[in-house]
Amino acid sequence: MKDQKTTADIFFIIFFLAYPLFIVIMFWRHAHQKENKLFLAERYYEISEDKMKGILDEDTFSTIKLDHFIRYDIVNNIYLLYLSKNQFIYLPSDSFKSKTDLEWFENEVLSQIEKK
């Protein structure tokens, strides 16, 4: 049995405690960099039977045809509408103004997109 901690033991203990903290700090710094402010910008969507219009402000918007979505997934009452394998639009179910709007979205829009 080993009673004393070696330098290697101390290094591994410090490493396994500090590394997760380091990763969290790096992700936070990346997300809050000036160049990435678009990712954190508030936006809203206007949804019709054939397209979604994402609006950042009065002059900045993008329109996406529903045909371009490859699949969707529902995680904890959040709709993830995938445009590619790694790119998706995040729509919380509580962002809809009414239950009727949510039901319309599920029946009309999600029926056109393949579920995961």
Protein backbone atom coordinates (compact mmCIF):
# COMPACT_ATOMS: atom_id res chain seq x y z
CA MET A 1 0.00 0.00 0.00
CA LYS A 2 1.02 3.48 -0.74
CA ASP A 3 0.87 6.00 2.10
CA GLN A 4 2.48 8.99 0.44
CA LYS A 5 1.27 10.86 -2.60
CA THR A 6 3.83 11.27 -5.33
CA THR A 7 4.18 14.31 -7.55
CA ALA A 8 2.39 12.43 -10.34
CA ASP A 9 -0.58 11.70 -8.04
CA ILE A 10 -0.87 15.38 -7.11
CA PHE A 11 -0.60 16.41 -10.77
CA PHE A 12 -3.45 14.08 -11.81
CA ILE A 13 -5.66 15.23 -8.94
CA ILE A 14 -5.15 18.90 -9.85
CA PHE A 15 -5.56 18.16 -13.56
CA PHE A 16 -8.87 16.30 -13.15
CA LEU A 17 -10.25 19.08 -10.95
CA ALA A 18 -9.01 22.01 -13.06
CA TYR A 19 -9.66 20.68 -16.57
CA PRO A 20 -13.50 20.82 -16.46
CA LEU A 21 -13.31 24.37 -15.10
CA PHE A 22 -10.91 25.30 -17.90
CA ILE A 23 -13.31 23.90 -20.54
CA VAL A 24 -16.26 25.86 -19.11
CA ILE A 25 -14.22 29.08 -19.12
CA MET A 26 -13.13 28.50 -22.73
CA PHE A 27 -16.73 27.91 -23.91
CA TRP A 28 -17.92 31.00 -22.02
CA ARG A 29 -15.17 33.13 -23.58
CA HIS A 30 -15.96 31.81 -27.06
CA ALA A 31 -19.69 32.45 -26.69
CA HIS A 32 -19.20 35.99 -25.39
CA GLN A 33 -16.57 37.15 -27.85
CA LYS A 34 -17.45 40.24 -29.82
CA GLU A 35 -17.23 38.30 -33.11
CA ASN A 36 -19.88 35.78 -31.92
CA LYS A 37 -22.52 38.22 -30.71
CA LEU A 38 -24.88 37.12 -33.49
CA PHE A 39 -25.28 33.73 -31.81
CA LEU A 40 -26.64 35.39 -28.66
CA ALA A 41 -28.81 37.97 -30.42
CA GLU A 42 -32.51 37.86 -29.67
CA ARG A 43 -34.66 36.84 -32.62
CA TYR A 44 -38.16 35.78 -33.43
CA TYR A 45 -39.75 33.78 -36.23
CA GLU A 46 -42.77 34.24 -38.45
CA ILE A 47 -43.90 30.82 -39.63
CA SER A 48 -46.20 30.03 -42.56
CA GLU A 49 -47.19 26.79 -44.31
CA ASP A 50 -44.14 26.83 -46.59
CA LYS A 51 -41.44 28.98 -44.97
CA MET A 52 -39.95 30.45 -41.78
CA LYS A 53 -38.74 34.00 -41.57
CA GLY A 54 -36.13 34.62 -38.85
CA ILE A 55 -36.01 38.26 -37.76
CA LEU A 56 -33.17 39.83 -35.76
CA ASP A 57 -34.22 43.46 -36.13
CA GLU A 58 -36.24 45.50 -38.60
CA ASP A 59 -33.52 45.33 -41.28
CA THR A 60 -32.04 41.89 -40.70
CA PHE A 61 -33.95 38.73 -41.51
CA SER A 62 -33.61 35.45 -43.35
CA THR A 63 -36.23 33.25 -44.97
CA ILE A 64 -35.98 29.46 -44.98
CA LYS A 65 -38.26 27.18 -46.97
CA LEU A 66 -39.62 24.31 -44.90
CA ASP A 67 -38.30 21.95 -47.60
CA HIS A 68 -34.76 22.81 -46.46
CA PHE A 69 -35.23 21.27 -43.01
CA ILE A 70 -33.93 17.71 -42.97
CA ARG A 71 -35.46 16.61 -39.67
CA TYR A 72 -36.70 17.76 -36.29
CA ASP A 73 -36.40 16.57 -32.74
CA ILE A 74 -38.20 17.47 -29.51
CA VAL A 75 -36.12 17.71 -26.34
CA ASN A 76 -37.68 18.95 -23.06
CA ASN A 77 -40.44 20.91 -24.85
CA ILE A 78 -37.93 22.47 -27.22
CA TYR A 79 -38.21 21.95 -30.97
CA LEU A 80 -34.91 21.55 -32.80
CA LEU A 81 -35.39 22.04 -36.54
CA TYR A 82 -32.29 20.79 -38.35
CA LEU A 83 -30.98 22.46 -41.51
CA SER A 84 -27.91 20.22 -41.57
CA LYS A 85 -26.35 17.57 -39.36
CA ASN A 86 -25.01 20.17 -36.90
CA GLN A 87 -27.04 23.32 -37.58
CA PHE A 88 -30.52 23.77 -36.17
CA ILE A 89 -33.10 26.33 -35.17
CA TYR A 90 -34.10 26.29 -31.51
CA LEU A 91 -37.81 26.89 -30.79
CA PRO A 92 -39.03 26.54 -27.18
CA SER A 93 -42.67 25.46 -27.03
CA ASP A 94 -43.45 28.30 -24.61
CA SER A 95 -42.42 30.85 -27.25
CA PHE A 96 -45.71 30.34 -29.08
CA LYS A 97 -48.36 32.91 -28.19
CA SER A 98 -51.14 30.38 -27.65
CA LYS A 99 -51.82 26.69 -27.49
CA THR A 100 -53.66 27.03 -30.81
CA ASP A 101 -50.49 28.41 -32.45
CA LEU A 102 -48.47 25.50 -31.06
CA GLU A 103 -51.00 22.96 -32.33
CA TRP A 104 -51.00 24.62 -35.76
CA PHE A 105 -47.19 24.46 -35.81
CA GLU A 106 -47.18 20.77 -34.90
CA ASN A 107 -49.91 19.85 -37.41
CA GLU A 108 -48.95 22.01 -40.37
CA VAL A 109 -45.20 22.58 -40.12
CA LEU A 110 -43.78 19.54 -38.37
CA SER A 111 -45.84 17.22 -40.54
CA GLN A 112 -43.71 18.42 -43.49
CA ILE A 113 -40.42 17.65 -41.74
CA GLU A 114 -39.15 14.16 -40.94
CA LYS A 115 -38.89 13.28 -37.25
CA LYS A 116 -35.59 11.92 -35.95
